[in-house]
Amino acid sequence: MASRLVDDAVLAYHAALQYHGHAHSVWSTYPILVLNKTPDLTFQGYKVRWAAVPASLARKKLLDLEVKTHDREGLPIKVTTLERTLVDCLDRPELGGDWEEIYNSFSGVTYLNFTHLVDYVTKLGKAVSAARVGYFWNRIGRNGKWKRSISRLSKN
């Protein structure tokens, strides 16, 4: 429902984790990306938290970078990819749950496209977010889940 309230709405952050089936816990707050942030909305115990598209992407007109349209009961909804969701959650962890929620959620992901991840974090243009992604990638890689993705890429 939240993604249908405004035309440019994109399920993002923890809402995207829930949509993709990777959220470690269920949230009643749904962060939604929009071009023009409006006041948050609460309805029947659920909160829609509007989050502005990162300024660096808006300036470059990259509003739909790493966003896919999915069919949900006959209606199109836009959702960030897992790669963008990871970067966005590390960029704004308060919208991803918290550090522990982000770690536990992405520990269950078995594959991410490293090229898409690097491309997105580069276009986002935030050095702190890039460092967080590198650190996080290294931490998750220790348990072997994503290591194969890196080794496959490095052989090309």
Protein backbone atom coordinates (compact mmCIF):
# COMPACT_ATOMS: atom_id res chain seq x y z
CA MET A 1 0.00 0.00 0.00
CA ALA A 2 2.73 2.47 0.96
CA SER A 3 4.36 2.28 -2.46
CA ARG A 4 1.07 3.28 -4.11
CA LEU A 5 0.54 6.52 -2.16
CA VAL A 6 2.68 8.67 -4.48
CA ASP A 7 3.74 8.15 -8.09
CA ASP A 8 7.50 8.14 -7.53
CA ALA A 9 7.47 5.89 -4.43
CA VAL A 10 10.14 3.19 -4.19
CA LEU A 11 10.23 0.54 -1.47
CA ALA A 12 13.69 0.91 0.05
CA TYR A 13 15.82 0.23 3.13
CA HIS A 14 14.08 -2.15 5.56
CA ALA A 15 10.88 -2.20 3.46
CA ALA A 16 12.93 -3.55 0.52
CA LEU A 17 14.55 -6.15 2.81
CA GLN A 18 11.07 -7.29 3.83
CA TYR A 19 9.86 -7.35 0.21
CA HIS A 20 12.86 -9.47 -0.88
CA GLY A 21 12.29 -11.83 2.06
CA HIS A 22 15.62 -11.09 3.77
CA ALA A 23 14.61 -8.97 6.76
CA HIS A 24 15.78 -10.53 10.00
CA SER A 25 12.79 -9.07 11.86
CA VAL A 26 9.44 -7.62 10.88
CA TRP A 27 9.03 -3.86 11.12
CA SER A 28 5.87 -1.79 11.25
CA THR A 29 7.73 1.21 9.78
CA TYR A 30 8.12 1.28 6.00
CA PRO A 31 10.81 3.57 4.60
CA ILE A 32 9.82 4.74 1.12
CA LEU A 33 12.08 6.69 -1.25
CA VAL A 34 10.50 9.73 -2.87
CA LEU A 35 11.88 12.68 -4.79
CA ASN A 36 10.11 15.25 -2.60
CA LYS A 37 9.99 14.27 1.05
CA THR A 38 6.65 14.80 2.76
CA PRO A 39 5.55 14.38 6.40
CA ASP A 40 5.46 10.78 7.64
CA LEU A 41 2.14 8.98 7.72
CA THR A 42 0.73 6.57 10.32
CA PHE A 43 -2.20 4.30 9.45
CA GLN A 44 -3.61 1.41 11.52
CA GLY A 45 -0.38 0.97 13.46
CA TYR A 46 1.89 1.15 10.42
CA LYS A 47 4.17 4.07 9.76
CA VAL A 48 5.27 5.24 6.33
CA ARG A 49 8.56 7.06 6.64
CA TRP A 50 9.30 9.08 3.53
CA ALA A 51 12.99 9.30 2.70
CA ALA A 52 14.31 11.70 0.10
CA VAL A 53 16.28 10.26 -2.82
CA PRO A 54 19.98 10.94 -2.09
CA ALA A 55 20.87 14.39 -3.40
CA SER A 56 23.84 13.07 -5.40
CA LEU A 57 21.53 10.75 -7.37
CA ALA A 58 18.83 13.40 -7.82
CA ARG A 59 21.39 15.86 -9.23
CA LYS A 60 22.59 13.24 -11.73
CA LYS A 61 18.99 12.25 -12.57
CA LEU A 62 19.70 8.66 -11.47
CA LEU A 63 16.44 8.23 -9.60
CA ASP A 64 15.85 4.65 -10.75
CA LEU A 65 19.41 3.40 -10.47
CA GLU A 66 19.25 -0.16 -9.09
CA VAL A 67 15.45 -0.01 -8.87
CA LYS A 68 13.30 -2.76 -10.39
CA THR A 69 9.57 -2.76 -11.06
CA HIS A 70 7.72 -5.81 -9.74
CA ASP A 71 4.14 -6.96 -10.13
CA ARG A 72 2.27 -7.12 -6.82
CA GLU A 73 -1.28 -8.44 -7.23
CA GLY A 74 -1.56 -6.84 -10.66
CA LEU A 75 -0.05 -3.50 -9.64
CA PRO A 76 3.48 -2.34 -10.49
CA ILE A 77 5.64 -1.40 -7.51
CA LYS A 78 9.20 -0.16 -7.53
CA VAL A 79 11.70 -1.80 -5.18
CA THR A 80 15.43 -1.23 -4.75
CA THR A 81 17.63 -4.20 -5.68
CA LEU A 82 19.41 -6.08 -2.90
CA GLU A 83 22.67 -4.42 -3.95
CA ARG A 84 21.24 -0.92 -3.62
CA THR A 85 19.39 -1.90 -0.45
CA LEU A 86 22.67 -2.94 1.17
CA VAL A 87 24.40 0.32 0.25
CA ASP A 88 21.40 2.43 1.25
CA CYS A 89 21.03 0.66 4.61
CA LEU A 90 24.73 1.19 5.35
CA ASP A 91 24.42 4.82 4.25
CA ARG A 92 21.39 5.43 6.52
CA PRO A 93 21.33 2.60 9.09
CA GLU A 94 18.42 4.12 11.01
CA LEU A 95 16.23 3.24 8.00
CA GLY A 96 17.62 -0.30 7.78
CA GLY A 97 16.74 -1.22 11.36
CA ASP A 98 20.08 -0.83 13.08
CA TRP A 99 23.56 -2.29 12.59
CA GLU A 100 22.63 -5.68 14.04
CA GLU A 101 19.47 -5.91 11.94
CA ILE A 102 21.38 -5.01 8.77
CA TYR A 103 24.12 -7.56 9.53
CA ASN A 104 21.67 -10.35 10.37
CA SER A 105 19.48 -9.60 7.34
CA PHE A 106 22.33 -9.62 4.83
CA SER A 107 24.04 -12.62 6.43
CA GLY A 108 21.21 -14.66 4.94
CA VAL A 109 21.75 -13.38 1.39
CA THR A 110 23.65 -15.93 -0.69
CA TYR A 111 24.49 -13.82 -3.75
CA LEU A 112 24.99 -10.17 -4.60
CA ASN A 113 26.24 -8.77 -7.89
CA PHE A 114 29.55 -7.14 -6.94
CA THR A 115 29.67 -5.06 -10.14
CA HIS A 116 26.23 -3.54 -9.46
CA LEU A 117 27.17 -2.93 -5.82
CA VAL A 118 30.39 -1.08 -6.71
CA ASP A 119 28.71 0.87 -9.52
CA TYR A 120 25.94 2.06 -7.21
CA VAL A 121 28.18 3.04 -4.28
CA THR A 122 30.45 4.89 -6.72
CA LYS A 123 27.55 6.87 -8.21
CA LEU A 124 26.21 7.59 -4.71
CA GLY A 125 29.51 9.40 -4.17
CA LYS A 126 29.82 9.10 -0.39
CA ALA A 127 33.24 8.00 0.87
CA VAL A 128 31.92 6.95 4.28
CA SER A 129 29.27 4.75 2.68
CA ALA A 130 31.87 3.19 0.37
CA ALA A 131 34.08 2.41 3.38
CA ARG A 132 31.12 0.87 5.22
CA VAL A 133 30.32 -1.30 2.20
CA GLY A 134 33.94 -2.48 2.01
CA TYR A 135 34.05 -3.28 5.70
CA PHE A 136 30.70 -5.04 5.59
CA TRP A 137 31.66 -7.02 2.49
CA ASN A 138 34.82 -8.17 4.26
CA ARG A 139 32.87 -9.19 7.40
CA ILE A 140 30.23 -11.17 5.52
CA GLY A 141 32.90 -12.65 3.24
CA ARG A 142 34.55 -14.33 6.22
CA ASN A 143 31.70 -16.79 6.51
CA GLY A 144 32.15 -17.67 2.84
CA LYS A 145 28.70 -16.66 1.63
CA TRP A 146 29.78 -13.94 -0.75
CA LYS A 147 33.42 -14.90 -1.29
CA ARG A 148 32.64 -16.88 -4.43
CA SER A 149 31.11 -13.79 -6.04
CA ILE A 150 34.35 -11.86 -5.48
CA SER A 151 36.65 -14.65 -6.69
CA ARG A 152 34.57 -15.18 -9.84
CA LEU A 153 34.76 -11.47 -10.62
CA SER A 154 38.50 -11.24 -10.03
CA LYS A 155 39.22 -14.06 -12.53
CA ASN A 156 37.64 -12.09 -15.41
